[in-house]
Amino acid sequence: MAITFFKRKEKKLIEAIDKDPQNTENYLRLGKLYFLNGEYEAAAEIYRHGLKISPRDVSLLFNYAVDREADNKLDSAKELYLEILSIDPNNKQTQERLDKITSF
């Protein structure tokens, strides 16, 4: 049942991206779907594609950073969090996550 839901949702989002490749919201949704399924590399690839369209999209950057953090790619996560803070210096959520991974 869960696999069927995942595959249907994945197919729908891929079709949405094919139909409107400039809509970064679909990349964000598909990346989250992969992330929640534990497919961190697939999520990272999708986030990177979305960032090619909108390199300063804080939502894409943040979700990409969280994905990298979950996959224990902490250097990459740190770079992404710093990039977000260069765009939005008052982003409290990002600062908290950055502090968490750099405090050990």
N, C-alpha and C. Protein backbone atom coordinates (compact mmCIF):
# COMPACT_ATOMS: atom_id res chain seq x y z
N MET A 1 0.82 -1.20 0.00
CA MET A 1 0.00 0.00 0.00
C MET A 1 0.87 1.26 0.00
N ALA A 2 1.85 1.31 0.93
CA ALA A 2 2.72 2.48 1.02
C ALA A 2 3.56 2.64 -0.25
N ILE A 3 4.00 1.53 -0.79
CA ILE A 3 4.81 1.59 -2.01
C ILE A 3 3.97 2.12 -3.17
N THR A 4 2.75 1.68 -3.26
CA THR A 4 1.86 2.14 -4.32
C THR A 4 1.63 3.65 -4.21
N PHE A 5 1.39 4.13 -2.98
CA PHE A 5 1.20 5.57 -2.76
C PHE A 5 2.46 6.32 -3.19
N PHE A 6 3.62 5.83 -2.76
CA PHE A 6 4.89 6.48 -3.11
C PHE A 6 5.06 6.56 -4.62
N LYS A 7 4.86 5.46 -5.30
CA LYS A 7 5.05 5.42 -6.76
C LYS A 7 4.07 6.34 -7.48
N ARG A 8 2.82 6.37 -7.02
CA ARG A 8 1.83 7.27 -7.64
C ARG A 8 2.23 8.73 -7.44
N LYS A 9 2.64 9.06 -6.23
CA LYS A 9 3.03 10.43 -5.92
C LYS A 9 4.29 10.81 -6.71
N GLU A 10 5.25 9.90 -6.77
CA GLU A 10 6.48 10.14 -7.52
C GLU A 10 6.17 10.40 -8.99
N LYS A 11 5.33 9.55 -9.58
CA LYS A 11 4.97 9.68 -10.98
C LYS A 11 4.30 11.03 -11.24
N LYS A 12 3.38 11.40 -10.36
CA LYS A 12 2.65 12.66 -10.51
C LYS A 12 3.61 13.86 -10.45
N LEU A 13 4.56 13.82 -9.53
CA LEU A 13 5.51 14.93 -9.41
C LEU A 13 6.49 14.99 -10.59
N ILE A 14 6.92 13.86 -11.06
CA ILE A 14 7.80 13.83 -12.24
C ILE A 14 7.07 14.39 -13.45
N GLU A 15 5.82 14.02 -13.60
CA GLU A 15 5.00 14.56 -14.71
C GLU A 15 4.84 16.08 -14.56
N ALA A 16 4.65 16.55 -13.34
CA ALA A 16 4.51 17.99 -13.11
C ALA A 16 5.80 18.72 -13.46
N ILE A 17 6.93 18.12 -13.14
CA ILE A 17 8.23 18.73 -13.48
C ILE A 17 8.41 18.75 -14.99
N ASP A 18 8.06 17.65 -15.65
CA ASP A 18 8.16 17.60 -17.12
C ASP A 18 7.28 18.65 -17.77
N LYS A 19 6.09 18.85 -17.21
CA LYS A 19 5.14 19.81 -17.76
C LYS A 19 5.57 21.25 -17.52
N ASP A 20 6.14 21.52 -16.35
CA ASP A 20 6.54 22.88 -16.00
C ASP A 20 7.88 22.85 -15.26
N PRO A 21 8.97 22.68 -16.02
CA PRO A 21 10.28 22.51 -15.38
C PRO A 21 10.80 23.75 -14.65
N GLN A 22 10.15 24.88 -14.82
CA GLN A 22 10.58 26.10 -14.12
C GLN A 22 9.93 26.25 -12.74
N ASN A 23 8.95 25.41 -12.43
CA ASN A 23 8.25 25.48 -11.16
C ASN A 23 9.05 24.72 -10.10
N THR A 24 9.80 25.44 -9.29
CA THR A 24 10.68 24.80 -8.32
C THR A 24 9.91 24.13 -7.17
N GLU A 25 8.67 24.49 -6.98
CA GLU A 25 7.87 23.84 -5.92
C GLU A 25 7.76 22.34 -6.16
N ASN A 26 7.70 21.92 -7.41
CA ASN A 26 7.62 20.49 -7.71
C ASN A 26 8.93 19.77 -7.39
N TYR A 27 10.06 20.44 -7.59
CA TYR A 27 11.35 19.85 -7.20
C TYR A 27 11.40 19.69 -5.68
N LEU A 28 10.92 20.70 -4.99
CA LEU A 28 10.90 20.67 -3.53
C LEU A 28 10.04 19.50 -3.05
N ARG A 29 8.87 19.35 -3.61
CA ARG A 29 7.96 18.26 -3.20
C ARG A 29 8.54 16.88 -3.51
N LEU A 30 9.13 16.73 -4.70
CA LEU A 30 9.70 15.43 -5.05
C LEU A 30 10.92 15.13 -4.18
N GLY A 31 11.74 16.14 -3.93
CA GLY A 31 12.88 15.94 -3.04
C GLY A 31 12.44 15.51 -1.65
N LYS A 32 11.39 16.14 -1.13
CA LYS A 32 10.87 15.75 0.19
C LYS A 32 10.34 14.33 0.18
N LEU A 33 9.68 13.95 -0.91
CA LEU A 33 9.16 12.58 -1.02
C LEU A 33 10.31 11.58 -0.92
N TYR A 34 11.36 11.82 -1.68
CA TYR A 34 12.52 10.92 -1.62
C TYR A 34 13.16 10.94 -0.24
N PHE A 35 13.31 12.13 0.34
CA PHE A 35 13.91 12.27 1.66
C PHE A 35 13.12 11.46 2.69
N LEU A 36 11.81 11.63 2.70
CA LEU A 36 10.98 10.91 3.68
C LEU A 36 11.00 9.40 3.47
N ASN A 37 11.37 8.99 2.27
CA ASN A 37 11.50 7.56 1.97
C ASN A 37 12.92 7.06 2.23
N GLY A 38 13.78 7.94 2.75
CA GLY A 38 15.16 7.56 3.05
C GLY A 38 16.08 7.51 1.84
N GLU A 39 15.62 8.04 0.72
CA GLU A 39 16.41 8.05 -0.51
C GLU A 39 17.16 9.38 -0.62
N TYR A 40 18.20 9.53 0.21
CA TYR A 40 18.88 10.81 0.35
C TYR A 40 19.60 11.26 -0.91
N GLU A 41 20.22 10.35 -1.61
CA GLU A 41 20.93 10.74 -2.85
C GLU A 41 19.94 11.16 -3.93
N ALA A 42 18.83 10.45 -4.03
CA ALA A 42 17.80 10.82 -5.02
C ALA A 42 17.25 12.20 -4.68
N ALA A 43 17.02 12.46 -3.39
CA ALA A 43 16.52 13.78 -2.97
C ALA A 43 17.55 14.85 -3.31
N ALA A 44 18.81 14.58 -3.03
CA ALA A 44 19.88 15.55 -3.31
C ALA A 44 19.93 15.90 -4.79
N GLU A 45 19.79 14.90 -5.63
CA GLU A 45 19.81 15.13 -7.08
C GLU A 45 18.67 16.05 -7.50
N ILE A 46 17.50 15.80 -6.96
CA ILE A 46 16.33 16.62 -7.30
C ILE A 46 16.52 18.05 -6.81
N TYR A 47 17.01 18.22 -5.58
CA TYR A 47 17.26 19.57 -5.07
C TYR A 47 18.27 20.31 -5.94
N ARG A 48 19.32 19.61 -6.37
CA ARG A 48 20.33 20.25 -7.24
C ARG A 48 19.70 20.71 -8.55
N HIS A 49 18.82 19.91 -9.12
CA HIS A 49 18.14 20.31 -10.36
C HIS A 49 17.30 21.57 -10.13
N GLY A 50 16.57 21.59 -9.04
CA GLY A 50 15.76 22.77 -8.73
C GLY A 50 16.62 24.00 -8.51
N LEU A 51 17.78 23.81 -7.89
CA LEU A 51 18.68 24.95 -7.63
C LEU A 51 19.34 25.48 -8.90
N LYS A 52 19.41 24.66 -9.93
CA LYS A 52 19.91 25.17 -11.21
C LYS A 52 18.95 26.22 -11.77
N ILE A 53 17.67 26.05 -11.48
CA ILE A 53 16.64 26.98 -11.95
C ILE A 53 16.57 28.21 -11.05
N SER A 54 16.69 27.96 -9.76
CA SER A 54 16.55 29.05 -8.79
C SER A 54 17.62 28.90 -7.70
N PRO A 55 18.84 29.36 -7.99
CA PRO A 55 19.98 29.12 -7.10
C PRO A 55 19.86 29.75 -5.71
N ARG A 56 19.02 30.74 -5.57
CA ARG A 56 18.89 31.41 -4.27
C ARG A 56 17.58 31.06 -3.55
N ASP A 57 16.97 29.96 -3.95
CA ASP A 57 15.72 29.51 -3.34
C ASP A 57 16.03 28.93 -1.96
N VAL A 58 15.69 29.67 -0.93
CA VAL A 58 16.05 29.28 0.44
C VAL A 58 15.37 27.97 0.84
N SER A 59 14.16 27.72 0.39
CA SER A 59 13.47 26.47 0.72
C SER A 59 14.20 25.26 0.13
N LEU A 60 14.59 25.38 -1.13
CA LEU A 60 15.35 24.29 -1.75
C LEU A 60 16.70 24.11 -1.05
N LEU A 61 17.40 25.20 -0.80
CA LEU A 61 18.69 25.12 -0.12
C LEU A 61 18.56 24.48 1.26
N PHE A 62 17.55 24.90 2.00
CA PHE A 62 17.37 24.38 3.35
C PHE A 62 17.07 22.87 3.32
N ASN A 63 16.15 22.48 2.46
CA ASN A 63 15.81 21.05 2.39
C ASN A 63 16.99 20.22 1.89
N TYR A 64 17.76 20.79 0.98
CA TYR A 64 18.98 20.11 0.50
C TYR A 64 19.96 19.96 1.66
N ALA A 65 20.13 21.00 2.46
CA ALA A 65 21.04 20.95 3.60
C ALA A 65 20.59 19.91 4.63
N VAL A 66 19.31 19.88 4.92
CA VAL A 66 18.77 18.89 5.87
C VAL A 66 18.99 17.48 5.33
N ASP A 67 18.81 17.30 4.03
CA ASP A 67 19.05 16.01 3.39
C ASP A 67 20.51 15.60 3.54
N ARG A 68 21.41 16.53 3.29
CA ARG A 68 22.84 16.23 3.43
C ARG A 68 23.18 15.89 4.88
N GLU A 69 22.59 16.62 5.79
CA GLU A 69 22.81 16.36 7.22
C GLU A 69 22.32 14.95 7.59
N ALA A 70 21.14 14.59 7.13
CA ALA A 70 20.57 13.27 7.42
C ALA A 70 21.43 12.16 6.84
N ASP A 71 22.08 12.44 5.72
CA ASP A 71 22.95 11.45 5.06
C ASP A 71 24.38 11.53 5.61
N ASN A 72 24.55 12.25 6.70
CA ASN A 72 25.84 12.40 7.38
C ASN A 72 26.91 13.05 6.49
N LYS A 73 26.48 13.91 5.59
CA LYS A 73 27.39 14.69 4.74
C LYS A 73 27.46 16.09 5.36
N LEU A 74 28.08 16.16 6.54
CA LEU A 74 28.01 17.36 7.36
C LEU A 74 28.75 18.55 6.76
N ASP A 75 29.85 18.31 6.06
CA ASP A 75 30.56 19.43 5.42
C ASP A 75 29.69 20.08 4.36
N SER A 76 29.01 19.25 3.58
CA SER A 76 28.10 19.76 2.57
C SER A 76 26.93 20.51 3.21
N ALA A 77 26.37 19.94 4.27
CA ALA A 77 25.27 20.59 4.98
C ALA A 77 25.70 21.94 5.51
N LYS A 78 26.89 21.99 6.09
CA LYS A 78 27.41 23.24 6.65
C LYS A 78 27.54 24.31 5.57
N GLU A 79 28.09 23.94 4.42
CA GLU A 79 28.23 24.89 3.31
C GLU A 79 26.87 25.42 2.86
N LEU A 80 25.89 24.54 2.79
CA LEU A 80 24.55 24.95 2.37
C LEU A 80 23.90 25.87 3.41
N TYR A 81 24.06 25.54 4.69
CA TYR A 81 23.51 26.41 5.73
C TYR A 81 24.17 27.79 5.68
N LEU A 82 25.47 27.82 5.45
CA LEU A 82 26.16 29.11 5.35
C LEU A 82 25.68 29.90 4.13
N GLU A 83 25.42 29.19 3.05
CA GLU A 83 24.89 29.85 1.84
C GLU A 83 23.53 30.47 2.12
N ILE A 84 22.69 29.74 2.83
CA ILE A 84 21.37 30.28 3.20
C ILE A 84 21.54 31.54 4.04
N LEU A 85 22.44 31.49 5.01
CA LEU A 85 22.64 32.65 5.88
C LEU A 85 23.22 33.84 5.13
N SER A 86 23.93 33.59 4.04
CA SER A 86 24.44 34.70 3.23
C SER A 86 23.29 35.38 2.48
N ILE A 87 22.23 34.64 2.20
CA ILE A 87 21.04 35.17 1.53
C ILE A 87 20.08 35.77 2.56
N ASP A 88 19.92 35.06 3.65
CA ASP A 88 18.95 35.45 4.70
C ASP A 88 19.64 35.36 6.07
N PRO A 89 20.40 36.39 6.44
CA PRO A 89 21.19 36.35 7.67
C PRO A 89 20.37 36.16 8.95
N ASN A 90 19.10 36.45 8.91
CA ASN A 90 18.26 36.32 10.10
C ASN A 90 17.46 35.03 10.15
N ASN A 91 17.85 34.06 9.35
CA ASN A 91 17.13 32.79 9.30
C ASN A 91 17.49 31.96 10.54
N LYS A 92 16.63 32.05 11.54
CA LYS A 92 16.88 31.43 12.84
C LYS A 92 16.96 29.90 12.74
N GLN A 93 16.05 29.30 11.97
CA GLN A 93 16.02 27.85 11.83
C GLN A 93 17.35 27.34 11.25
N THR A 94 17.85 28.04 10.25
CA THR A 94 19.11 27.64 9.63
C THR A 94 20.26 27.80 10.61
N GLN A 95 20.27 28.92 11.33
CA GLN A 95 21.35 29.15 12.31
C GLN A 95 21.34 28.06 13.39
N GLU A 96 20.17 27.66 13.83
CA GLU A 96 20.07 26.61 14.84
C GLU A 96 20.62 25.28 14.33
N ARG A 97 20.28 24.95 13.10
CA ARG A 97 20.79 23.68 12.54
C ARG A 97 22.29 23.74 12.33
N LEU A 98 22.78 24.88 11.88
CA LEU A 98 24.23 25.04 11.70
C LEU A 98 24.94 24.92 13.04
N ASP A 99 24.41 25.57 14.06
CA ASP A 99 25.01 25.47 15.40
C ASP A 99 25.02 24.02 15.87
N LYS A 100 23.97 23.30 15.60
CA LYS A 100 23.86 21.89 16.03
C LYS A 100 24.96 21.02 15.41
N ILE A 101 25.22 21.21 14.12
CA ILE A 101 26.20 20.33 13.47
C ILE A 101 27.65 20.80 13.67
N THR A 102 27.83 22.03 14.12
CA THR A 102 29.20 22.52 14.31
C THR A 102 29.59 22.56 15.79
N SER A 103 28.70 22.11 16.67
CA SER A 103 28.98 22.20 18.10
C SER A 103 29.63 20.96 18.70
N PHE A 104 29.89 19.96 17.88
CA PHE A 104 30.48 18.72 18.46
C PHE A 104 31.97 18.70 18.33
